[in-house]
Each structure stands twice: as C-alpha cells, then as structure tokens.
C-alpha cells in the first residue's frame, strides 16, 4: 500500500489502508488511461501503474504531436461552421465538431490489429445511404467466403448473401438491405482508396466492451440514427432530420441523402490527448504504431519515417492476376465448383461480318 500511495502521489504515503482516498486516486488513474473506472485495483490497472512512466509519456506525447502534423490545418468545412468528424482509433470514439465545440459523440468499433487495421485518412463525407446493400469487399470474398463456400455450398444462402460472377471472371457477393444486413440500416460514405466507411451493425453487444477492435477495417457506429440526424442537421438544416425521421425511412430499398457541402472525416490515431477538462489522457497502442514510430522520431531521417507510415496502411484492393480457386473452371480444364454451381459459361457470340457486295 505505501508503494501504491506513492505511485498515485497521495499525501500519506506510509499508510497501509486501501481507503476512500486510494480508491478515488485509482478511479482518476483509470479514467486517464482509458480503463474501466471502478476504483478497484484489478490486473489491468496494476499493469498500467507499473508501466514506464515519465519518459514513456513524453515519448508518446511526442509521437502524437507528430501525427497532428499530418492532419490538415483546417479540419472542417468553413461554410458549415468548420464542421468535421474526428474518429480516434485507440479511444474507440467518434466526435462531431462544429464552431470549435463538440456537438455529439459515440462509441465505435474499429479494425482488428494487423492487415485489417483501420487506416488513417482525411476524406469528405458526401452522402448517407439508408437501407444499404452490402457489397462484400474483395479481400473478404477471396480470403474468407470463397474458401468457406468450397467447404459448404449452402453457407452464403444461410447468411442471406448472393453470389454472381462478373463478365471478367471475378466474383461478386452482396447482401440485400434488411435488418440482418452486416452494415445495419445506415452507411456513411466518404469515398477512399481503402474501401472503408462508417456504418451501423447488428452486433450491438460489441459496444459494451472496453477494447473494440473487431472489424475488417470499417468503423461501426453505436447510434447511427443519431449520428445521421446530427450530420444532416449540419448539412441540411432546413430539412429537420431527427433520429425518428431517419428510423421512419428503414425498409427494403436503398435511399441516398446527398450533402450539398461534404463534411470532412478525420480518422486519427491518438494514444495521448487532452480532454475537455484539460487532463492528459493515455490510451493503449492497439496497433503498435507508437512502438514503431518512437525509435524513428529519435534517430531516423524524416523520409524514412514517412515511408514507414505510408507502408503501415492496410491494403483492401482485390488481388491482382489470375485468381486460382481449386476446382473452378477458370483455374482448370475440367468442370469445377463454380461451373457446377452456375453451369458452363456462355461463350460470346461470333462477330458478324459485313458482306461485301460486288458492283
């Protein structure tokens, strides 16, 4: 207890009781480190207290200041009161800002560490889709669904997914709008090269967890109807959008609502930041980016750092070249899995040649 009291900077460092002052100090420490605020000295709190303190904090702040340099000088849309969205991956939160103040905030689920990590970017949200169709990203199709389909030809039907082959031979899988759609009822669109976006989800239970890195890179929003109403209140203030009005649009047909002025979306990675009360907040380095960047900031040239940052972004582009699927007619001479599923491909009609007339 004396050691704990000393670490928490309490006055009576020699006392041995876990009293109300200690519990309050533990709660304050937990709040500042993104831990569940209980006042109980659990394993996660002990690990955080035992972490290297002063030097590590300075390094983390330095890394996050460097990341701030990567953001635009003007974060928002000037004609909309400098409105913008800020999503902080390690904090698992999304904030809508306008006129220098927070308008609304919610919890989010982000990408898993590794190849599904949510990328850093600044793009502009151009429209919202109510009742979206989920066009499954190529990475999920080729890495997950096609292998599963070869093991069980009924798996897509049971999931409510539709499979087709495009004229170029590539596979397209989609899920029609509905309550069970993987994107939920609303998709928030800011076109980008990573093919990620923000959306609703039927898996609401994940928002109760403290660590929320579970997706394939897209960002799931806890209260999408409120998020949509907040954004539309900024982009289309005369149309009087409310969460109830948004919910009244739920159905089986896609509805796009365009923003006359796009709203910037800034996806950041801030493991250290200052909250509204002016207190330093520290978060877990969920993707290990601080650990990779700190040595570079201390000794590597700037170009080396920028190259490392660029290569850390995940790639969501469809694999290039011929996709060899075992048993597929496109990968072998005999009738394969997809040929048995769809039938033999129809050959293109022979070209019609104009007859020459003799004169």
Protein backbone atom coordinates (compact mmCIF):
# COMPACT_ATOMS: atom_id res chain seq x y z
CA UNK A 1 0.00 0.00 0.00
CA UNK A 2 2.76 2.55 0.70
CA UNK A 3 4.17 1.88 -2.78
CA UNK A 4 0.73 2.25 -4.37
CA UNK A 5 0.10 5.50 -2.50
CA UNK A 6 3.48 6.82 -3.65
CA UNK A 7 2.76 5.92 -7.27
CA UNK A 8 -0.61 7.71 -7.05
CA UNK A 9 1.01 10.79 -5.41
CA UNK A 10 -1.10 10.62 -2.24
CA UNK A 11 -0.01 12.68 0.78
CA UNK A 12 0.07 9.94 3.43
CA UNK A 13 2.41 7.58 1.56
CA UNK A 14 3.14 5.41 4.62
CA UNK A 15 -0.45 4.45 5.38
CA UNK A 16 -1.40 0.82 4.79
CA UNK A 17 -5.18 1.08 4.32
CA UNK A 18 -6.98 0.94 0.97
CA UNK A 19 -9.27 3.80 1.97
CA UNK A 20 -11.57 6.17 0.11
CA UNK A 21 -8.66 8.42 -0.92
CA UNK A 22 -6.84 5.50 -2.54
CA UNK A 23 -10.00 4.34 -4.32
CA UNK A 24 -10.59 7.87 -5.64
CA UNK A 25 -6.99 8.09 -6.87
CA UNK A 26 -7.32 4.71 -8.58
CA UNK A 27 -10.52 5.86 -10.31
CA UNK A 28 -8.76 9.01 -11.52
CA UNK A 29 -5.83 6.96 -12.83
CA UNK A 30 -8.19 4.53 -14.60
CA UNK A 31 -10.09 7.40 -16.21
CA UNK A 32 -6.90 8.97 -17.52
CA UNK A 33 -5.68 5.70 -19.03
CA UNK A 34 -8.81 4.52 -20.78
CA UNK A 35 -9.51 1.77 -18.24
CA UNK A 36 -12.84 0.78 -16.76
CA UNK A 37 -13.42 3.21 -13.88
CA UNK A 38 -14.14 1.07 -10.81
CA UNK A 39 -11.74 2.19 -8.08
CA UNK A 40 -10.65 -1.46 -7.82
CA UNK A 41 -7.00 -2.41 -8.22
CA UNK A 42 -7.50 -5.07 -10.90
CA UNK A 43 -4.84 -6.67 -13.11
CA UNK A 44 -5.19 -4.16 -15.97
CA UNK A 45 -4.79 -1.23 -13.55
CA UNK A 46 -1.72 -2.78 -11.93
CA UNK A 47 -0.09 -3.30 -15.35
CA UNK A 48 -0.77 0.31 -16.29
CA UNK A 49 0.59 1.64 -12.98
CA UNK A 50 3.77 -0.46 -13.38
CA UNK A 51 4.39 0.75 -16.94
CA UNK A 52 7.39 3.05 -17.50
CA UNK A 53 6.00 6.42 -16.58
CA UNK A 54 7.70 9.74 -17.23
CA UNK A 55 9.94 9.01 -20.21
CA UNK A 56 7.33 6.80 -21.85
CA UNK A 57 4.68 9.51 -21.52
CA UNK A 58 6.99 12.09 -23.08
CA UNK A 59 7.74 9.75 -26.00
CA UNK A 60 4.04 9.04 -26.50
CA UNK A 61 3.15 12.73 -26.47
CA UNK A 62 5.94 13.40 -28.97
CA UNK A 63 4.63 10.72 -31.33
CA UNK A 64 1.11 12.10 -31.15
CA UNK A 65 2.29 15.65 -31.82
CA UNK A 66 3.99 14.28 -34.93
CA UNK A 67 0.71 12.73 -36.03
CA UNK A 68 -1.05 16.06 -35.61
CA UNK A 69 1.30 17.44 -38.27
CA UNK A 70 -0.21 15.02 -40.77
CA UNK A 71 -3.71 16.48 -40.41
CA UNK A 72 -4.96 19.41 -42.50
CA UNK A 73 -4.55 22.87 -40.97
CA UNK A 74 -8.29 23.38 -41.44
CA UNK A 75 -10.05 20.28 -40.14
CA UNK A 76 -13.60 21.17 -41.15
CA UNK A 77 -15.83 22.73 -43.80
CA UNK A 78 -15.56 26.52 -43.42
CA UNK A 79 -19.04 27.18 -44.84
CA UNK A 80 -20.59 24.85 -42.22
CA UNK A 81 -19.04 26.45 -39.14
CA UNK A 82 -15.84 24.44 -39.63
CA UNK A 83 -17.82 21.22 -39.04
CA UNK A 84 -15.96 17.92 -39.16
CA UNK A 85 -15.88 14.37 -37.82
CA UNK A 86 -12.94 13.16 -35.70
CA UNK A 87 -12.58 9.43 -35.07
CA UNK A 88 -9.80 8.38 -32.70
CA UNK A 89 -8.94 4.70 -33.20
CA UNK A 90 -7.24 3.92 -29.81
CA UNK A 91 -10.00 5.73 -27.90
CA UNK A 92 -12.75 3.93 -29.88
CA UNK A 93 -14.75 7.15 -30.09
CA UNK A 94 -16.20 9.38 -32.79
CA UNK A 95 -16.93 13.08 -32.32
CA UNK A 96 -18.83 15.58 -34.45
CA UNK A 97 -17.38 19.08 -34.08
CA UNK A 98 -18.76 22.47 -35.14
CA UNK A 99 -17.77 26.03 -34.28
CA UNK A 100 -14.92 24.74 -32.14
CA UNK A 101 -17.16 22.68 -29.86
CA UNK A 102 -18.24 19.05 -29.65
CA UNK A 103 -21.76 18.60 -31.00
CA UNK A 104 -22.13 14.85 -30.49
CA UNK A 105 -20.07 11.75 -29.66
CA UNK A 106 -20.48 7.98 -29.66
CA UNK A 107 -18.58 4.72 -29.28
CA UNK A 108 -17.23 2.91 -32.33
CA UNK A 109 -15.78 -0.48 -33.27
CA UNK A 110 -12.63 -0.31 -35.42
CA UNK A 111 -10.47 -2.74 -37.39
CA UNK A 112 -8.54 -5.62 -35.90
CA UNK A 113 -4.77 -5.20 -35.45
CA UNK A 114 -2.74 -6.36 -38.44
CA UNK A 115 -3.96 -6.45 -42.03
CA UNK A 116 -7.48 -5.33 -41.02
CA UNK A 117 -6.33 -2.22 -39.14
CA UNK A 118 -8.44 0.88 -39.78
CA UNK A 119 -6.34 3.25 -41.93
CA UNK A 120 -5.55 6.87 -41.11
CA UNK A 121 -7.01 9.38 -43.54
CA UNK A 122 -8.83 12.63 -44.11
CA UNK A 123 -11.67 12.37 -46.62
CA UNK A 124 -15.04 14.07 -47.12
CA UNK A 125 -18.41 12.51 -46.38
CA UNK A 126 -20.57 13.12 -49.43
CA UNK A 127 -23.78 11.22 -48.67
CA UNK A 128 -25.58 8.80 -46.36
CA UNK A 129 -27.25 5.58 -47.51
CA UNK A 130 -30.28 4.32 -45.61
CA UNK A 131 -31.02 0.60 -46.11
CA UNK A 132 -27.65 -0.11 -47.77
CA UNK A 133 -26.74 -3.14 -49.83
CA UNK A 134 -23.52 -4.72 -48.58
CA UNK A 135 -21.17 -5.32 -51.48
CA UNK A 136 -18.64 -7.59 -49.83
CA UNK A 137 -15.07 -6.26 -50.18
CA UNK A 138 -12.76 -8.32 -52.42
CA UNK A 139 -10.44 -9.11 -49.51
CA UNK A 140 -13.27 -10.81 -47.60
CA UNK A 141 -14.57 -12.58 -50.71
CA UNK A 142 -11.25 -14.11 -51.69
CA UNK A 143 -9.79 -14.69 -48.24
CA UNK A 144 -12.86 -15.88 -46.32
CA UNK A 145 -16.08 -16.52 -48.22
CA UNK A 146 -14.77 -18.48 -51.19
CA UNK A 147 -12.83 -20.93 -49.00
CA UNK A 148 -15.91 -21.33 -46.79
CA UNK A 149 -18.12 -21.84 -49.85
CA UNK A 150 -15.98 -24.70 -51.09
CA UNK A 151 -16.43 -26.44 -47.75
CA UNK A 152 -20.19 -25.77 -47.58
CA UNK A 153 -22.08 -24.69 -50.75
CA UNK A 154 -25.07 -23.55 -48.63
CA UNK A 155 -23.17 -21.14 -46.39
CA UNK A 156 -23.98 -17.98 -48.39
CA UNK A 157 -27.68 -18.83 -48.62
CA UNK A 158 -27.84 -19.28 -44.87
CA UNK A 159 -26.20 -15.88 -44.41
CA UNK A 160 -28.56 -14.17 -46.86
CA UNK A 161 -25.75 -13.44 -49.35
CA UNK A 162 -25.98 -13.51 -53.13
CA UNK A 163 -23.09 -14.65 -55.34
CA UNK A 164 -22.55 -13.89 -59.02
CA UNK A 165 -19.68 -13.90 -61.47
CA UNK A 166 -18.86 -10.75 -63.43
CA UNK A 167 -18.00 -10.84 -67.16
CA UNK A 168 -14.30 -10.58 -66.33
CA UNK A 169 -14.50 -13.75 -64.25
CA UNK A 170 -14.28 -12.06 -60.84
CA UNK A 171 -16.68 -12.99 -58.06
CA UNK A 172 -19.23 -10.56 -56.62
CA UNK A 173 -21.03 -11.23 -53.34
CA UNK A 174 -23.69 -8.95 -51.87
CA UNK A 175 -26.28 -8.82 -49.12
CA UNK A 176 -29.60 -7.01 -49.77
CA UNK A 177 -30.93 -4.34 -47.39
CA UNK A 178 -32.65 -5.53 -44.25
CA UNK A 179 -32.45 -5.88 -40.50
CA UNK A 180 -29.78 -8.59 -40.68
CA UNK A 181 -27.55 -6.74 -43.15
CA UNK A 182 -23.93 -6.59 -41.98
CA UNK A 183 -23.98 -2.80 -42.44
CA UNK A 184 -27.14 -2.42 -40.41
CA UNK A 185 -29.55 0.27 -41.50
CA UNK A 186 -27.22 3.15 -42.42
CA UNK A 187 -23.90 3.57 -44.22
CA UNK A 188 -21.87 6.79 -44.07
CA UNK A 189 -19.95 7.31 -47.30
CA UNK A 190 -16.62 9.09 -47.69
CA UNK A 191 -15.06 7.50 -50.82
CA UNK A 192 -11.43 6.48 -50.30
CA UNK A 193 -8.79 4.16 -51.75
CA UNK A 194 -9.02 1.81 -48.76
CA UNK A 195 -12.70 0.95 -49.47
CA UNK A 196 -13.71 1.55 -45.84
CA UNK A 197 -16.61 3.55 -44.42
CA UNK A 198 -18.69 4.00 -41.27
CA UNK A 199 -21.91 2.09 -40.74
CA UNK A 200 -24.49 0.60 -38.41
CA UNK A 201 -24.18 -3.01 -37.24
CA UNK A 202 -26.48 -5.78 -35.97
CA UNK A 203 -23.75 -6.79 -33.46
CA UNK A 204 -24.62 -4.20 -30.80
CA UNK A 205 -23.07 -6.26 -27.99
CA UNK A 206 -19.53 -5.26 -29.02
CA UNK A 207 -20.09 -1.65 -27.91
CA UNK A 208 -20.18 -2.76 -24.28
CA UNK A 209 -16.55 -3.92 -24.44
CA UNK A 210 -13.67 -1.65 -23.40
CA UNK A 211 -11.40 -2.76 -26.29
CA UNK A 212 -13.35 -2.60 -29.55
CA UNK A 213 -11.02 -3.62 -32.40
CA UNK A 214 -13.08 -6.33 -34.12
CA UNK A 215 -13.91 -5.24 -37.69
CA UNK A 216 -12.27 -5.78 -41.09
CA UNK A 217 -11.29 -2.09 -41.25
CA UNK A 218 -14.63 -0.29 -41.46
CA UNK A 219 -15.92 1.64 -38.45
CA UNK A 220 -19.17 0.59 -36.76
CA UNK A 221 -21.16 3.33 -35.03
CA UNK A 222 -23.17 2.65 -31.89
CA UNK A 223 -26.06 5.07 -32.55
CA UNK A 224 -26.21 5.53 -36.34
CA UNK A 225 -29.66 7.16 -36.40
CA UNK A 226 -28.45 9.90 -34.05
CA UNK A 227 -25.21 10.24 -35.99
CA UNK A 228 -27.12 10.64 -39.26
CA UNK A 229 -29.50 13.19 -37.74
CA UNK A 230 -26.56 15.19 -36.35
CA UNK A 231 -24.73 15.29 -39.68
CA UNK A 232 -27.86 16.09 -41.67
CA UNK A 233 -28.72 18.83 -39.18
CA UNK A 234 -25.42 20.44 -40.18
CA UNK A 235 -25.53 19.71 -43.92
CA UNK A 236 -29.30 20.18 -44.47
CA UNK A 237 -30.53 22.28 -41.51
CA UNK A 238 -33.86 23.19 -43.16
CA UNK A 239 -34.92 19.57 -43.68
CA UNK A 240 -35.42 18.91 -39.95
CA UNK A 241 -33.92 15.44 -39.80
CA UNK A 242 -34.34 13.68 -36.45
CA UNK A 243 -33.48 10.14 -35.32
CA UNK A 244 -37.17 9.30 -35.53
CA UNK A 245 -37.37 10.61 -39.09
CA UNK A 246 -34.34 8.53 -40.04
CA UNK A 247 -35.85 5.39 -38.48
CA UNK A 248 -39.06 6.03 -40.44
CA UNK A 249 -37.04 5.52 -43.64
CA UNK A 250 -35.97 1.97 -42.73
CA UNK A 251 -37.15 -0.57 -45.30
CA UNK A 252 -36.00 -2.73 -48.21
CA UNK A 253 -34.94 -0.05 -50.72
CA UNK A 254 -31.74 1.97 -50.70
CA UNK A 255 -32.17 5.71 -50.08
CA UNK A 256 -29.26 8.10 -50.64
CA UNK A 257 -29.20 11.50 -48.94
CA UNK A 258 -26.59 13.77 -50.51
CA UNK A 259 -24.75 16.52 -48.66
CA UNK A 260 -24.73 19.83 -50.61
CA UNK A 261 -21.41 20.56 -48.87
CA UNK A 262 -19.30 17.49 -47.96
CA UNK A 263 -18.22 17.17 -44.32
CA UNK A 264 -14.56 16.25 -43.67
CA UNK A 265 -13.89 13.00 -41.80
CA UNK A 266 -10.56 12.78 -39.97
CA UNK A 267 -9.55 9.28 -38.85
CA UNK A 268 -6.69 9.62 -36.37
CA UNK A 269 -4.55 7.52 -34.06
CA UNK A 270 -4.18 9.50 -30.81
CA UNK A 271 -2.85 7.46 -27.91
CA UNK A 272 -2.27 10.72 -25.99
CA UNK A 273 -4.65 13.67 -25.96
CA UNK A 274 -6.07 16.31 -23.64
CA UNK A 275 -9.72 16.01 -22.62
CA UNK A 276 -12.24 18.83 -22.18
CA UNK A 277 -11.13 19.29 -18.55
CA UNK A 278 -7.51 19.81 -19.62
CA UNK A 279 -6.28 16.43 -18.33
CA UNK A 280 -3.80 14.28 -20.24
CA UNK A 281 -5.42 11.06 -21.43
CA UNK A 282 -3.39 7.99 -22.42
CA UNK A 283 -4.68 5.06 -24.45
CA UNK A 284 -3.37 1.59 -25.35
CA UNK A 285 -1.21 1.41 -28.50
CA UNK A 286 -3.63 -1.09 -30.04
CA UNK A 287 -1.86 -1.28 -33.43
CA UNK A 288 1.69 -0.96 -32.08
CA UNK A 289 2.27 2.23 -34.07
CA UNK A 290 3.78 4.20 -31.19
CA UNK A 291 6.35 1.46 -30.60
CA UNK A 292 7.36 1.56 -34.27
CA UNK A 293 7.49 5.34 -34.54
CA UNK A 294 9.34 6.34 -31.36
CA UNK A 295 12.76 4.99 -32.48
CA UNK A 296 12.29 6.69 -35.86
CA UNK A 297 11.48 10.06 -34.30
CA UNK A 298 14.57 9.80 -32.13
CA UNK A 299 17.02 8.89 -34.85
CA UNK A 300 15.67 8.14 -38.30
CA UNK A 301 15.53 10.69 -41.15
CA UNK A 302 12.16 12.24 -41.90
CA UNK A 303 11.81 10.46 -45.24
CA UNK A 304 12.29 7.09 -43.56
CA UNK A 305 9.51 7.91 -41.11
CA UNK A 306 7.13 8.99 -43.87
CA UNK A 307 7.87 5.82 -45.85
CA UNK A 308 7.16 3.66 -42.78
CA UNK A 309 3.88 5.45 -42.21
CA UNK A 310 2.81 5.01 -45.82
CA UNK A 311 3.57 1.27 -45.76
CA UNK A 312 1.71 0.77 -42.47
CA UNK A 313 -1.63 1.40 -44.15
CA UNK A 314 -3.60 -1.78 -44.92
CA UNK A 315 -4.49 -2.69 -48.48
CA UNK A 316 -8.10 -3.52 -49.35
CA UNK A 317 -7.65 -3.90 -53.10
CA UNK A 318 -8.70 -7.12 -54.83
CA UNK A 319 -5.80 -9.49 -55.55
CA UNK A 320 -4.32 -8.92 -58.99
CA UNK A 321 -3.70 -11.51 -61.67
CA UNK A 322 -5.50 -14.80 -62.12
CA UNK A 323 -7.33 -15.98 -59.02
CA UNK A 324 -6.89 -19.74 -58.83
CA UNK A 325 -9.79 -21.31 -56.98
CA UNK A 326 -9.42 -25.09 -56.55
CA UNK A 327 -12.00 -26.86 -58.69
CA UNK A 328 -13.10 -23.69 -60.51
CA UNK A 329 -13.48 -23.87 -64.27
CA UNK A 330 -11.37 -20.74 -64.59
CA UNK A 331 -8.45 -22.50 -62.91
CA UNK A 332 -8.60 -25.97 -64.52
CA UNK A 333 -9.69 -27.75 -67.68
CA UNK A 334 -12.45 -29.85 -66.13
CA UNK A 335 -15.84 -28.75 -64.76
CA UNK A 336 -15.15 -27.04 -61.46
CA UNK A 337 -17.01 -25.87 -58.40
CA UNK A 338 -18.45 -22.67 -59.88
CA UNK A 339 -19.21 -24.33 -63.18
CA UNK A 340 -21.22 -26.97 -61.32
CA UNK A 341 -22.86 -24.17 -59.33
CA UNK A 342 -23.70 -21.84 -62.23
CA UNK A 343 -23.40 -24.08 -65.28
CA UNK A 344 -20.84 -23.75 -68.03
CA UNK A 345 -20.05 -20.17 -69.05
CA UNK A 346 -21.84 -18.98 -72.17
CA UNK A 347 -19.35 -18.28 -74.97
CA UNK A 348 -19.58 -14.85 -76.58
CA UNK A 349 -21.41 -14.71 -79.91
CA UNK A 350 -19.31 -14.86 -83.04
CA UNK A 351 -18.69 -11.44 -84.61
CA UNK A 352 -20.95 -10.53 -87.51
CA UNK A 353 -19.01 -9.61 -90.61
CA UNK A 354 -20.49 -7.31 -93.20
CA UNK A 355 -20.93 -8.90 -96.62
CA UNK A 356 -19.14 -7.30 -99.48
CA UNK A 357 -21.36 -6.61 -102.45
CA UNK A 358 -19.94 -6.85 -105.90
CA UNK A 359 -20.53 -3.96 -108.13
